[in-house]
């Protein structure tokens, strides 16, 4: 999943503060924000099994693609 930081072999972090889509219509419709019910401004850490599940849901059309794009990925 492009644009996410892998901190160790079992997890990755999605930080809304570093997302290039922050405070946009894309942000308001972000599947990660919806699934994780985070507080505004908090980073979301999911393990790789959850990331794989999101990928499968996206590939089968059951969830929209994760739109996070890290600032460093520009």
Protein backbone atom coordinates (compact mmCIF):
# COMPACT_ATOMS: atom_id res chain seq x y z
CA UNK A 1 0.00 0.00 0.00
CA UNK A 2 1.76 3.05 -1.31
CA UNK A 3 2.53 6.02 0.95
CA UNK A 4 2.46 4.31 4.33
CA UNK A 5 5.34 3.92 6.75
CA UNK A 6 6.24 0.40 7.85
CA UNK A 7 7.66 0.64 11.37
CA UNK A 8 8.40 -3.04 11.86
CA UNK A 9 7.55 -6.25 10.07
CA UNK A 10 4.10 -6.48 11.68
CA UNK A 11 2.65 -2.96 11.53
CA UNK A 12 2.48 0.25 9.57
CA UNK A 13 1.38 3.76 10.46
CA UNK A 14 -1.04 5.99 8.64
CA UNK A 15 -0.68 9.52 10.00
CA UNK A 16 -3.32 11.95 8.81
CA UNK A 17 -0.96 14.85 9.58
CA UNK A 18 1.36 13.67 6.79
CA UNK A 19 -1.33 12.78 4.25
CA UNK A 20 -1.40 14.97 1.14
CA UNK A 21 -5.21 14.64 1.04
CA UNK A 22 -5.68 16.02 4.56
CA UNK A 23 -8.62 18.44 4.93
CA UNK A 24 -9.96 17.64 1.47
CA UNK A 25 -13.12 15.89 0.25
CA UNK A 26 -10.95 12.77 -0.14
CA UNK A 27 -10.07 12.91 3.57
CA UNK A 28 -13.74 13.08 4.53
CA UNK A 29 -14.39 9.84 2.59
CA UNK A 30 -11.25 7.95 3.68
CA UNK A 31 -11.87 4.26 4.43
CA UNK A 32 -9.10 4.22 7.05
CA UNK A 33 -10.70 7.10 8.95
CA UNK A 34 -14.06 5.34 8.81
CA UNK A 35 -12.80 1.87 9.82
CA UNK A 36 -10.55 2.99 12.65
CA UNK A 37 -12.78 5.72 14.12
CA UNK A 38 -9.74 7.77 15.08
CA UNK A 39 -9.80 11.07 16.91
CA UNK A 40 -8.99 14.00 14.59
CA UNK A 41 -5.23 14.45 14.30
CA UNK A 42 -4.32 10.99 15.63
CA UNK A 43 -2.16 8.60 13.62
CA UNK A 44 -3.68 5.22 12.78
CA UNK A 45 -1.51 2.14 13.28
CA UNK A 46 -2.73 -1.10 11.74
CA UNK A 47 -0.95 -4.40 11.53
CA UNK A 48 -0.04 -6.00 8.23
CA UNK A 49 -2.91 -8.52 8.45
CA UNK A 50 -5.35 -5.59 8.61
CA UNK A 51 -3.54 -3.88 5.71
CA UNK A 52 -3.85 -7.08 3.68
CA UNK A 53 -7.55 -7.30 4.55
CA UNK A 54 -8.06 -3.71 3.35
CA UNK A 55 -6.24 -4.57 0.12
CA UNK A 56 -8.50 -7.61 -0.45
CA UNK A 57 -11.63 -5.55 0.25
CA UNK A 58 -10.41 -2.95 -2.24
CA UNK A 59 -9.44 -5.49 -4.91
CA UNK A 60 -12.87 -7.13 -4.71
CA UNK A 61 -14.73 -3.82 -4.84
CA UNK A 62 -16.10 -4.06 -1.29
CA UNK A 63 -14.24 -0.96 -0.06
CA UNK A 64 -12.87 2.13 -1.77
CA UNK A 65 -9.10 2.32 -2.18
CA UNK A 66 -7.00 3.75 0.64
CA UNK A 67 -6.24 7.27 -0.55
CA UNK A 68 -3.48 8.11 1.92
CA UNK A 69 -0.43 9.61 0.25
CA UNK A 70 2.39 10.57 2.59
CA UNK A 71 4.06 13.94 2.26
CA UNK A 72 7.36 12.21 1.49
CA UNK A 73 5.69 10.37 -1.41
CA UNK A 74 4.99 13.54 -3.45
